[in-house]
Amino acid sequence: MLGPRIAALRRSAGLSQGELARRLQISPSAVGMYEQGRREPSAQLLVAIARQFGVTTDYLLTGKAATEQEEAVAHQALLDTLRTADQRLEKRDKRPFSREELAVLMTAMLLEA
């Protein structure tokens, strides 16, 4: 699940798709397609994405962090994703899931990746 990892890292870094695209010298729509899994980045671009976020290409491709720093980045990305989802839930009139259910669901999805 390369796309969700890129999206989580981008959000954790506080970047918009447009800002990440500018830094990688690609189009914002390309970033969106990578995050949605509709396209795969080239090997060269994969290396650039890994360098941008301070992780290895192994982490991007497999989700397995090789260092403590990558573990910390992955942990922070998960927390940021959960926080964003929780904020979106707060804005809804009718919640489809409780916070606890959402946390379990997100964790299960990330462990599957």
Protein backbone atom coordinates (compact mmCIF):
# COMPACT_ATOMS: atom_id res chain seq x y z
CA MET A 1 0.00 0.00 0.00
CA LEU A 2 2.47 2.58 -1.22
CA GLY A 3 -0.15 5.27 -1.84
CA PRO A 4 -1.51 5.46 1.72
CA ARG A 5 2.05 5.56 3.11
CA ILE A 6 2.94 8.50 0.85
CA ALA A 7 -0.28 10.28 1.88
CA ALA A 8 0.34 9.64 5.58
CA LEU A 9 3.95 10.86 5.38
CA ARG A 10 2.86 13.95 3.45
CA ARG A 11 0.18 14.81 5.99
CA SER A 12 2.56 14.14 8.87
CA ALA A 13 5.00 16.61 7.32
CA GLY A 14 2.19 19.17 7.01
CA LEU A 15 2.45 19.33 3.22
CA SER A 16 -0.31 19.71 0.67
CA GLN A 17 -0.25 17.59 -2.45
CA GLY A 18 0.73 20.72 -4.36
CA GLU A 19 3.67 21.47 -2.06
CA LEU A 20 4.97 17.90 -2.26
CA ALA A 21 4.56 18.02 -6.04
CA ARG A 22 6.57 21.26 -6.19
CA ARG A 23 9.36 19.75 -4.10
CA LEU A 24 9.46 16.62 -6.27
CA GLN A 25 9.07 18.64 -9.49
CA ILE A 26 5.99 16.72 -10.59
CA SER A 27 2.32 17.70 -11.00
CA PRO A 28 -0.09 17.77 -8.06
CA SER A 29 -2.35 15.37 -9.95
CA ALA A 30 0.54 12.87 -10.14
CA VAL A 31 0.89 13.03 -6.35
CA GLY A 32 -2.86 12.44 -6.04
CA MET A 33 -2.72 9.45 -8.36
CA TYR A 34 0.23 7.95 -6.44
CA GLU A 35 -1.64 8.38 -3.16
CA GLN A 36 -4.78 6.78 -4.63
CA GLY A 37 -2.79 3.89 -6.09
CA ARG A 38 -3.84 4.77 -9.62
CA ARG A 39 -0.21 5.22 -10.70
CA GLU A 40 3.17 4.01 -9.43
CA PRO A 41 6.17 6.33 -9.18
CA SER A 42 9.33 5.48 -11.07
CA ALA A 43 12.28 4.06 -9.13
CA GLN A 44 14.01 7.44 -9.34
CA LEU A 45 10.95 9.24 -7.99
CA LEU A 46 10.51 6.63 -5.25
CA VAL A 47 14.03 7.44 -4.04
CA ALA A 48 13.23 11.17 -4.12
CA ILE A 49 10.05 10.60 -2.08
CA ALA A 50 11.97 8.52 0.47
CA ARG A 51 14.61 11.24 0.81
CA GLN A 52 11.94 13.93 1.15
CA PHE A 53 10.48 12.18 4.19
CA GLY A 54 13.66 10.71 5.66
CA VAL A 55 12.61 7.07 5.22
CA THR A 56 13.93 4.19 3.13
CA THR A 57 12.43 2.94 -0.09
CA ASP A 58 11.89 -0.35 1.79
CA TYR A 59 9.61 1.49 4.18
CA LEU A 60 7.67 3.09 1.33
CA LEU A 61 7.22 -0.22 -0.46
CA THR A 62 6.68 -2.62 2.45
CA GLY A 63 5.75 -0.48 5.44
CA LYS A 64 8.51 -2.08 7.47
CA ALA A 65 10.64 0.55 9.15
CA ALA A 66 14.34 -0.26 9.29
CA THR A 67 15.47 2.26 11.88
CA GLU A 68 14.23 3.88 15.06
CA GLN A 69 13.86 7.15 13.17
CA GLU A 70 11.63 5.49 10.59
CA GLU A 71 9.63 3.85 13.37
CA ALA A 72 9.11 7.30 14.88
CA VAL A 73 8.09 8.74 11.50
CA ALA A 74 5.65 5.87 10.91
CA HIS A 75 4.21 6.26 14.40
CA GLN A 76 3.76 10.00 13.93
CA ALA A 77 2.15 9.46 10.52
CA LEU A 78 -0.34 7.05 12.10
CA LEU A 79 -1.15 9.50 14.89
CA ASP A 80 -1.59 12.34 12.40
CA THR A 81 -3.87 10.21 10.23
CA LEU A 82 -5.99 9.27 13.23
CA ARG A 83 -6.10 12.90 14.40
CA THR A 84 -7.23 14.06 10.95
CA ALA A 85 -9.91 11.37 10.80
CA ASP A 86 -11.06 12.30 14.30
CA GLN A 87 -11.31 15.98 13.32
CA ARG A 88 -13.40 15.05 10.30
CA LEU A 89 -15.68 12.96 12.50
CA GLU A 90 -16.14 15.90 14.87
CA LYS A 91 -17.55 17.95 11.98
CA ARG A 92 -20.13 15.32 11.00
CA ASP A 93 -23.67 15.42 12.31
CA LYS A 94 -24.00 11.66 12.31
CA ARG A 95 -20.92 9.59 13.04
CA PRO A 96 -20.57 6.29 11.20
CA PHE A 97 -17.98 5.05 13.74
CA SER A 98 -16.95 5.89 17.26
CA ARG A 99 -13.41 7.12 17.87
CA GLU A 100 -12.46 3.72 19.25
CA GLU A 101 -13.94 1.88 16.25
CA LEU A 102 -12.12 4.23 13.89
CA ALA A 103 -8.80 3.69 15.70
CA VAL A 104 -9.21 -0.09 15.47
CA LEU A 105 -10.20 0.12 11.80
CA MET A 106 -7.28 2.41 10.87
CA THR A 107 -4.79 0.24 12.79
CA ALA A 108 -6.07 -2.90 11.09
CA MET A 109 -5.81 -1.24 7.67
CA LEU A 110 -2.25 -0.09 8.30
CA LEU A 111 -1.21 -3.50 9.59
CA GLU A 112 -2.62 -5.09 6.43
CA ALA A 113 -0.55 -2.78 4.21
